[in-house]
Protein backbone atom coordinates (compact mmCIF):
# COMPACT_ATOMS: atom_id res chain seq x y z
CA MET A 1 160.56 50.85 256.19
CA ALA A 2 158.45 53.72 257.51
CA LYS A 3 159.79 57.23 257.12
CA SER A 4 160.61 59.54 260.02
CA SER A 5 157.63 61.01 261.81
CA PHE A 6 158.15 64.51 260.40
CA ALA A 7 159.84 66.26 257.47
CA THR A 8 163.08 68.00 258.46
CA GLN A 9 163.50 71.74 257.93
CA ALA A 10 166.06 71.01 255.18
CA GLN A 11 163.51 68.81 253.42
CA ARG A 12 160.83 71.48 253.77
CA ASP A 13 163.10 74.16 252.28
CA ASP A 14 163.93 71.92 249.30
CA PHE A 15 161.00 72.21 246.90
CA SER A 16 162.69 70.02 244.29
CA VAL A 17 161.21 66.59 243.55
CA GLN A 18 163.92 65.28 241.22
CA GLN A 19 163.86 61.46 241.05
CA GLU A 20 161.47 61.19 244.00
CA ARG A 21 158.42 58.96 244.28
CA ALA A 22 155.34 61.15 244.50
CA LEU A 23 151.84 60.49 245.82
CA LEU A 24 149.33 62.93 244.29
CA VAL A 25 146.40 64.29 246.28
CA GLY A 26 143.50 66.38 245.02
CA VAL A 27 140.82 67.88 247.26
CA TYR A 28 137.81 69.33 245.46
CA THR A 29 134.84 71.13 246.98
CA ASP A 30 131.27 70.77 245.74
CA GLY A 31 131.30 74.15 244.01
CA ARG A 32 134.46 73.58 242.02
CA LYS A 33 134.32 72.27 238.47
CA ILE A 34 136.90 69.55 237.87
CA TRP A 35 138.11 67.76 234.79
CA GLU A 36 137.19 64.20 233.97
CA ASP A 37 140.61 63.14 235.31
CA PRO A 38 141.33 65.95 237.80
CA LEU A 39 144.89 64.85 238.56
CA ILE A 40 146.06 64.40 234.97
CA GLU A 41 147.64 67.85 234.88
CA LEU A 42 149.26 67.51 238.30
CA ALA A 43 150.72 64.18 237.17
CA GLU A 44 152.25 65.86 234.10
CA LEU A 45 153.60 68.69 236.25
CA THR A 46 155.13 66.20 238.66
CA ARG A 47 156.77 64.23 235.86
CA SER A 48 158.05 67.46 234.32
CA ALA A 49 159.68 68.25 237.66
CA GLY A 50 161.52 64.92 237.47
CA ALA A 51 159.54 62.81 239.94
CA ARG A 52 157.78 59.48 239.45
CA VAL A 53 154.06 59.31 240.21
CA VAL A 54 153.33 56.21 242.30
CA GLY A 55 149.75 56.81 243.44
CA ARG A 56 146.76 59.13 243.53
CA VAL A 57 144.21 60.12 246.18
CA ILE A 58 141.08 62.17 245.38
CA GLN A 59 138.64 63.57 247.93
CA ARG A 60 135.45 65.56 247.39
CA ARG A 61 134.30 67.66 250.33
CA LYS A 62 131.80 70.39 251.06
CA SER A 63 134.66 72.59 252.29
CA PHE A 64 138.37 72.31 253.01
CA ASP A 65 139.43 71.19 256.48
CA PRO A 66 141.13 74.26 258.04
CA ALA A 67 143.73 72.16 259.88
CA SER A 68 144.87 69.70 257.21
CA CYS A 69 142.76 70.42 254.10
CA VAL A 70 141.65 66.74 253.92
CA GLY A 71 140.46 65.79 257.41
CA LYS A 72 141.78 63.15 259.83
CA GLY A 73 140.37 60.06 258.13
CA LYS A 74 141.75 60.91 254.70
CA LEU A 75 145.03 61.99 256.29
CA GLU A 76 145.44 58.49 257.73
CA GLU A 77 144.64 56.99 254.32
CA ILE A 78 147.34 59.20 252.74
CA ARG A 79 149.85 58.01 255.37
CA GLN A 80 149.02 54.37 254.63
CA ARG A 81 149.29 54.96 250.88
CA CYS A 82 152.68 56.63 251.39
CA ASP A 83 153.90 53.62 253.36
CA GLY A 84 152.49 51.18 250.82
CA TYR A 85 153.97 52.99 247.80
CA ASP A 86 157.19 53.97 249.62
CA ALA A 87 156.52 57.56 248.56
CA ASP A 88 159.08 60.29 249.24
CA VAL A 89 156.84 63.31 248.69
CA VAL A 90 153.12 64.16 248.76
CA VAL A 91 152.02 66.68 246.11
CA PHE A 92 148.66 68.44 246.52
CA ASP A 93 146.63 69.84 243.62
CA ASN A 94 145.67 72.67 245.96
CA ASP A 95 147.34 75.67 247.54
CA LEU A 96 148.01 74.96 251.23
CA SER A 97 148.74 77.21 254.17
CA PRO A 98 152.01 76.70 256.12
CA SER A 99 150.06 75.31 259.07
CA GLN A 100 148.26 72.80 256.82
CA ILE A 101 151.57 71.68 255.30
CA ARG A 102 153.04 71.30 258.80
CA GLU A 103 150.05 69.25 259.98
CA ILE A 104 150.13 66.95 256.94
CA GLU A 105 153.91 66.45 257.16
CA LYS A 106 153.60 65.57 260.84
CA ALA A 107 150.95 62.97 260.04
CA VAL A 108 152.51 61.33 256.96
CA GLY A 109 156.23 61.76 257.73
CA ARG A 110 157.01 62.99 254.22
CA LYS A 111 157.75 66.25 252.52
CA VAL A 112 154.56 67.94 251.29
CA LEU A 113 154.36 70.33 248.34
CA ASP A 114 151.36 72.25 247.13
CA ARG A 115 150.52 73.09 243.52
CA SER A 116 152.18 76.52 243.50
CA GLU A 117 155.44 75.21 245.00
CA LEU A 118 155.61 72.51 242.33
CA ILE A 119 155.04 74.98 239.49
CA LEU A 120 157.63 77.37 240.94
CA ASP A 121 160.14 74.51 241.10
CA ILE A 122 159.55 73.71 237.42
CA PHE A 123 159.84 77.37 236.42
CA ALA A 124 163.08 77.70 238.39
CA SER A 125 164.58 74.68 236.62
CA ARG A 126 163.56 76.00 233.17
CA ALA A 127 164.71 79.62 233.60
CA ARG A 128 167.65 80.10 231.23
CA THR A 129 167.97 83.87 230.82
CA ALA A 130 168.64 86.54 233.43
CA GLU A 131 165.16 87.97 232.81
CA ALA A 132 163.42 84.62 233.38
CA ARG A 133 165.45 84.02 236.55
CA LEU A 134 164.43 87.42 237.92
CA GLN A 135 160.78 86.68 237.14
CA VAL A 136 160.93 83.28 238.83
CA GLU A 137 162.70 84.64 241.89
CA LEU A 138 160.07 87.36 242.30
CA ALA A 139 157.27 84.80 242.03
CA GLN A 140 158.99 82.56 244.60
CA LEU A 141 159.47 85.41 247.06
CA GLU A 142 155.90 86.65 246.66
CA TYR A 143 154.73 83.11 247.35
CA THR A 144 157.03 82.76 250.37
CA ALA A 145 156.59 86.20 251.98
CA PRO A 146 153.11 85.63 253.47
CA ARG A 147 154.29 82.24 254.78
CA LEU A 148 157.37 83.43 256.68
CA ARG A 149 155.77 83.14 260.10
CA GLY A 150 154.67 79.58 259.40
CA MET A 151 158.08 78.63 258.01
CA TRP A 152 159.94 79.79 261.14
CA THR A 153 158.36 77.19 263.41
CA HIS A 154 161.80 75.70 264.18
CA LEU A 155 162.53 78.89 266.19
CA GLU A 156 159.49 78.37 268.36
CA ARG A 157 161.58 75.92 270.37
CA ILE A 158 163.86 78.86 271.16
CA ALA A 159 161.36 81.67 271.48
CA GLY A 160 158.45 79.66 272.81
CA ALA A 161 155.04 79.45 271.25
CA GLY A 162 153.14 80.35 274.36
CA GLY A 163 152.73 78.53 277.63
CA GLY A 164 150.78 78.35 280.80
CA THR A 165 152.49 81.30 282.44
CA GLY A 166 152.35 84.95 281.59
CA VAL A 167 155.92 84.93 280.39
CA GLY A 168 155.36 81.76 278.39
CA ALA A 169 153.62 83.76 275.71
CA VAL A 170 156.91 85.47 274.84
CA GLY A 171 159.27 82.57 275.54
CA GLY A 172 160.32 83.12 279.11
CA ILE A 173 163.39 84.72 280.71
CA GLY A 174 166.47 84.52 278.51
CA THR A 175 164.57 83.35 275.44
CA ARG A 176 162.38 86.32 274.66
CA GLY A 177 162.05 87.34 271.05
CA PRO A 178 164.76 85.59 268.93
CA GLY A 179 162.18 83.92 266.72
CA GLU A 180 160.12 87.07 266.34
CA ARG A 181 163.24 89.12 265.63
CA GLN A 182 164.39 86.65 263.00
CA ILE A 183 160.97 86.68 261.36
CA GLU A 184 160.99 90.48 261.22
CA ILE A 185 164.54 90.54 259.85
CA ASP A 186 163.63 88.01 257.20
CA ARG A 187 160.44 89.84 256.34
CA ARG A 188 162.35 93.08 255.80
CA LEU A 189 165.00 91.34 253.71
CA VAL A 190 162.33 89.67 251.57
CA GLU A 191 160.36 92.90 251.13
CA ARG A 192 163.56 94.73 250.17
CA ARG A 193 164.46 92.03 247.64
CA ILE A 194 160.91 92.03 246.23
CA SER A 195 161.06 95.81 245.76
CA PHE A 196 164.44 95.49 244.03
CA LEU A 197 163.20 92.74 241.70
CA LYS A 198 160.01 94.62 240.86
CA GLU A 199 162.00 97.69 239.89
CA LYS A 200 164.35 95.61 237.73
CA LEU A 201 161.36 93.95 236.06
CA ARG A 202 159.67 97.33 235.57
CA GLU A 203 162.78 98.41 233.67
CA ILE A 204 162.57 95.23 231.59
CA ASP A 205 158.83 95.80 231.09
CA ARG A 206 159.45 99.36 229.87
CA ARG A 207 162.15 98.12 227.50
CA LYS A 208 159.92 95.30 226.25
CA LEU A 209 157.07 97.75 225.72
CA ARG A 210 159.36 100.01 223.70
CA GLU A 211 160.48 97.02 221.63
CA VAL A 212 156.88 95.93 221.06
CA LYS A 213 155.80 99.44 220.06
CA ALA A 214 158.82 99.77 217.76
CA ARG A 215 157.57 96.69 215.93
CA LYS A 216 154.05 98.07 215.42
CA ARG A 217 155.01 99.01 211.87
CA PHE A 218 155.15 95.26 211.31
CA PHE A 219 152.30 92.80 211.60
CA THR A 220 152.99 90.92 214.86
CA ILE A 221 151.68 87.48 215.78
CA SER A 222 151.98 85.66 219.09
CA LEU A 223 151.66 81.94 219.71
CA VAL A 224 149.63 81.22 222.84
CA GLY A 225 148.25 78.01 224.21
CA TYR A 226 148.29 75.39 226.87
CA THR A 227 151.73 74.22 227.88
CA ASN A 228 153.01 71.34 225.75
CA ALA A 229 150.48 72.06 222.98
CA GLY A 230 153.29 72.21 220.42
CA LYS A 231 153.90 75.97 220.15
CA SER A 232 157.70 75.73 219.95
CA THR A 233 157.50 72.92 217.38
CA LEU A 234 155.16 75.09 215.31
CA MET A 235 157.52 78.06 215.73
CA ASN A 236 160.37 75.96 214.35
CA ALA A 237 158.24 74.68 211.45
CA LEU A 238 157.19 78.19 210.41
CA THR A 239 160.43 80.11 210.97
CA GLY A 240 163.26 77.59 211.40
CA ALA A 241 164.00 79.28 214.73
CA GLY A 242 165.58 76.22 216.35
CA ALA A 243 163.63 76.81 219.58
CA VAL A 244 163.89 74.16 222.30
CA ALA A 245 160.93 71.83 221.86
CA GLY A 246 160.36 68.86 224.15
CA ASP A 247 157.52 66.75 225.49
CA ARG A 248 157.53 68.52 228.86
CA LEU A 249 155.38 71.18 230.47
CA PHE A 250 156.85 74.69 230.47
CA GLU A 251 159.70 73.79 228.11
CA THR A 252 159.77 77.44 226.99
CA LEU A 253 159.80 80.38 229.44
CA ASP A 254 161.47 83.08 227.37
CA THR A 255 159.84 84.89 224.47
CA LEU A 256 161.42 84.22 221.09
CA THR A 257 160.61 86.42 218.06
CA ARG A 258 161.49 85.56 214.46
CA ARG A 259 160.49 86.58 210.92
CA TRP A 260 157.94 84.32 209.28
CA GLU A 261 158.24 84.54 205.51
CA LEU A 262 154.81 84.29 203.86
CA GLY A 263 156.00 84.40 200.26
CA GLY A 264 156.12 87.18 197.70
CA GLY A 265 158.57 89.08 199.89
CA ARG A 266 155.95 89.49 202.62
CA TYR A 267 156.65 88.54 206.21
CA VAL A 268 155.32 88.93 209.75
CA LEU A 269 157.00 88.82 213.17
CA LEU A 270 156.09 85.65 215.07
CA SER A 271 156.65 85.27 218.83
CA ASP A 272 156.55 82.16 221.01
CA THR A 273 155.55 82.66 224.65
CA VAL A 274 155.35 80.71 227.90
CA GLY A 275 152.59 78.09 227.97
CA PHE A 276 149.53 78.39 230.21
CA ILE A 277 147.85 75.95 232.57
CA ARG A 278 144.60 76.06 234.49
CA GLU A 279 144.75 78.18 237.63
CA LEU A 280 148.19 79.51 236.81
CA PRO A 281 149.32 81.12 240.10
CA HIS A 282 148.53 84.83 239.92
CA HIS A 283 152.00 85.84 241.13
CA LEU A 284 153.48 83.96 238.17
CA VAL A 285 151.19 85.78 235.75
CA ALA A 286 152.22 89.10 237.32
CA SER A 287 155.94 88.24 237.30
CA PHE A 288 155.88 87.10 233.67
CA ARG A 289 153.87 90.05 232.41
CA ALA A 290 156.94 91.49 230.67
CA THR A 291 157.43 88.18 228.85
CA LEU A 292 153.76 88.18 227.85
CA GLU A 293 153.81 91.73 226.45
CA GLU A 294 154.16 90.20 222.99
CA ALA A 295 150.80 88.44 223.39
CA ILE A 296 149.11 91.45 224.96
CA HIS A 297 150.00 93.78 222.08
CA ALA A 298 149.98 91.31 219.16
CA ASP A 299 147.92 92.03 216.06
CA LEU A 300 146.91 88.37 215.92
CA LEU A 301 147.02 85.51 218.43
CA LEU A 302 147.46 81.95 217.19
CA HIS A 303 145.88 79.83 219.93
CA VAL A 304 147.56 76.43 219.61
CA VAL A 305 145.55 73.47 220.94
CA ASP A 306 146.68 69.88 221.47
CA ALA A 307 143.84 68.24 219.54
CA ALA A 308 145.08 64.80 220.59
CA SER A 309 144.53 65.57 224.28
CA ALA A 310 141.42 64.22 225.97
CA GLU A 311 141.28 67.52 227.88
CA ALA A 312 141.46 69.77 224.79
CA GLU A 313 138.25 71.68 225.52
CA GLN A 314 139.20 72.31 229.14
CA GLN A 315 142.63 73.49 228.03
CA ILE A 316 141.06 75.96 225.60
CA ALA A 317 138.97 77.36 228.47
CA ALA A 318 142.04 77.58 230.72
CA VAL A 319 143.99 79.56 228.11
CA ASN A 320 141.03 81.90 227.58
CA ASP A 321 140.93 82.52 231.35
CA VAL A 322 144.61 83.56 231.40
CA LEU A 323 144.14 85.79 228.34
CA THR A 324 141.23 87.46 230.13
CA ALA A 325 143.44 88.03 233.18
CA LEU A 326 146.06 89.64 230.91
CA GLY A 327 143.49 91.86 229.22
CA ALA A 328 144.11 90.18 225.86
CA ALA A 329 140.84 88.26 225.50
CA SER A 330 139.54 90.65 222.83
CA ASN A 331 142.63 90.37 220.62
CA PRO A 332 141.95 88.88 217.16
CA THR A 333 142.55 85.14 217.57
CA LEU A 334 142.81 82.13 215.27
CA LEU A 335 142.34 78.71 216.87
CA LEU A 336 144.75 76.02 215.64
CA LEU A 337 143.96 72.35 216.28
CA ASN A 338 147.50 70.99 216.38
CA LYS A 339 148.83 67.40 216.53
CA MET A 340 146.24 66.09 214.10
CA ASP A 341 148.80 63.44 213.12
CA ALA A 342 148.64 62.04 216.69
CA LEU A 343 144.85 61.50 216.71
CA ARG A 344 143.92 57.85 217.01
CA ASP A 345 140.20 58.42 216.59
CA GLU A 346 138.89 60.73 213.85
CA SER A 347 135.66 61.19 215.80
CA ASP A 348 137.62 63.24 218.36
CA ALA A 349 138.66 65.64 215.61
CA HIS A 350 135.08 65.79 214.36
CA VAL A 351 133.83 66.84 217.80
CA LEU A 352 136.39 69.66 218.06
CA ARG A 353 135.80 70.84 214.50
CA SER A 354 132.05 70.91 214.99
CA LYS A 355 132.39 72.87 218.21
CA TYR A 356 135.01 75.25 216.77
CA PRO A 357 134.08 75.53 213.06
CA ASP A 358 136.45 78.46 212.44
CA ALA A 359 139.47 76.54 213.78
CA LEU A 360 142.20 75.34 211.44
CA ALA A 361 143.44 71.73 211.68
CA ILE A 362 147.23 71.49 211.47
CA SER A 363 150.23 69.38 212.39
CA ALA A 364 153.48 71.15 213.20
CA VAL A 365 155.33 67.83 212.77
CA THR A 366 153.99 66.78 209.35
CA ARG A 367 153.33 70.41 208.19
CA LEU A 368 149.67 69.58 207.55
CA GLY A 369 147.72 72.81 206.97
CA LEU A 370 150.72 75.15 207.37
CA ASP A 371 150.48 76.51 203.80
CA HIS A 372 146.78 77.29 204.36
CA LEU A 373 147.71 78.95 207.67
CA ALA A 374 150.22 81.18 205.87
CA ASP A 375 147.52 82.20 203.36
CA ILE A 376 145.10 83.09 206.18
CA VAL A 377 147.75 85.12 208.00
CA ASP A 378 148.69 86.89 204.75
CA SER A 379 145.04 87.82 204.25
CA ARG A 380 144.69 89.01 207.87
CA MET A 381 147.83 91.10 207.52
CA ARG A 382 146.60 92.81 204.35
CA GLY A 383 143.24 93.43 205.95
CA SER A 384 140.23 94.94 204.22
CA GLN A 385 141.61 96.64 201.13
CA GLN A 386 140.23 99.59 199.21
CA LEU A 387 141.30 101.20 195.95
CA MET A 388 143.28 104.44 196.32
CA ARG A 389 145.35 106.69 194.06
CA LEU A 390 148.71 107.60 195.55
CA SER A 391 151.57 109.79 194.36
CA ILE A 392 155.08 108.62 195.29
CA PRO A 393 158.50 110.05 194.34
CA ALA A 394 159.84 108.03 191.42
CA ARG A 395 163.23 107.83 193.10
CA ASP A 396 161.74 106.19 196.21
CA GLY A 397 162.27 102.56 195.21
CA LYS A 398 161.83 101.43 198.82
CA ALA A 399 158.25 102.73 198.99
CA LEU A 400 157.36 101.27 195.59
CA ASN A 401 158.85 97.91 196.56
CA PHE A 402 156.85 98.03 199.80
CA LEU A 403 153.63 98.51 197.82
CA GLN A 404 154.46 95.59 195.53
CA ARG A 405 154.92 93.32 198.54
CA PHE A 406 152.14 94.38 200.90
CA ALA A 407 149.44 95.79 198.59
CA GLU A 408 148.05 95.08 195.13
CA ILE A 409 149.03 97.58 192.41
CA HIS A 410 146.26 98.04 189.84
CA THR A 411 147.85 100.65 187.53
CA GLN A 412 151.06 102.67 187.60
CA GLU A 413 151.97 105.80 185.60
CA TRP A 414 154.81 108.33 185.71
CA GLU A 415 154.25 112.08 185.87
CA ASP A 416 156.69 114.91 186.71
CA GLY A 417 159.16 112.66 188.50
CA ARG A 418 156.49 110.89 190.52
CA ALA A 419 154.73 107.53 190.29
CA ILE A 420 150.94 107.78 190.17
CA VAL A 421 149.72 104.46 191.52
CA ASP A 422 146.20 103.06 191.74
CA VAL A 423 146.52 100.44 194.45
CA PHE A 424 144.33 98.17 196.55
CA ILE A 425 145.61 98.80 200.07
CA SER A 426 144.43 98.35 203.65
CA PRO A 427 144.46 101.24 206.17
CA ARG A 428 147.12 99.42 208.20
CA VAL A 429 149.49 98.99 205.26
CA LEU A 430 148.89 102.61 204.27
CA ASP A 431 149.97 103.69 207.77
CA GLN A 432 153.10 101.57 207.40
CA LEU A 433 153.78 103.15 204.00
CA HIS A 434 153.58 106.65 205.53
CA ALA A 435 156.08 105.49 208.17
CA GLU A 436 158.42 104.25 205.41
CA CYS A 437 158.17 107.39 203.26
CA ALA A 438 157.27 110.92 204.32
CA ASP A 439 156.45 112.18 200.82
CA ILE A 440 153.30 110.15 200.07
CA ARG A 441 150.42 112.09 198.55
CA HIS A 442 146.92 110.68 198.79
CA LEU A 443 145.21 111.88 195.60
CA CYS A 444 141.81 110.22 195.89
CA ASP A 445 139.82 107.18 197.01
CA ASP A 446 138.50 104.68 194.47
CA PRO A 447 139.68 106.41 191.26
CA ARG A 448 137.39 104.22 189.16
């Protein structure tokens, strides 16, 4: 049976798509590069939100239709597809204006969501901590604020949207202004709430920055990558963190930091962060900046790639775009080709390895390559070492133990209550040693 001729206001306000049947629509202009299957990501997002994908519609145009994004002919095709598939919701792989959403809903008789609304719904359902909930709420409000006028169309029946008479433009006698007043009230409330949330998140950002800087005496590593690339599974395999790991997009929103033991008493601090997608809404990137501080200031980024995905190369590019937006594109990075155990065709792995020769092939599930990864990280942490002669108080066992773990002691002698140590050490580890012990004397470089 056909749906009602328009989506109700309650339906429009409910962005959730739990258990609904979704028709996906993608509109792509001539100048936009698209993936081989442009709706594959939107389909995964829709499933992650809890809906069932029942059909897809793709249109290529020279430019977007200002009224409905797709044009009248395609709009009628979408309506017929909705009727044929008994769809409950239409999800666009584009950002739509309120007037476009209103026009499409009027034509198809279903609720319409755009890409940003869908992602915000998923983020809202995944937010577990107070910090993540604040970040999601800010992103939702910043998305909604410019659309308030379009969302208050139900008050136009009270205030009037303009008519043939002079007074019609303001609603007529007895109906002047309620809609406009409500819009202004809502706009002020939203702006006030946005200011409050931004200040709260600034406090969190300052605290996070202090925490990150306090850890600079340690070698810090951040896992980054496309959502559902296996970062949390890798985190668990390396640290036993017990992080939530599932086959869903944006399973992890909160940063988790744990010690990763490399052997020989050496360790690094490893952090797992929110996953990226292509064209991640900019207000989400801004809202989650505090969460992403770990990646911004990390000594090393481990870029985790789902090597079993047909879109692996596009996902790598999408992650690099987000890192550029964060100002972290120049951070030292090691590419990890994960899920090698899930590859059905070895030729796919060969293509990726040939294109990214410095990448390391791993499997977080079977632990393939993880020992080699630990060796590489250990080497990166130690850095470029040089031979130095240092004098350390003999009673300072902590400093001597630190040298044994993070440097390579060549010779060690005792003189006047001090240890004279010839040691291969990197500048970074030497800085850490000075932070551990104030009474370190640098006698000479390369005592050979």
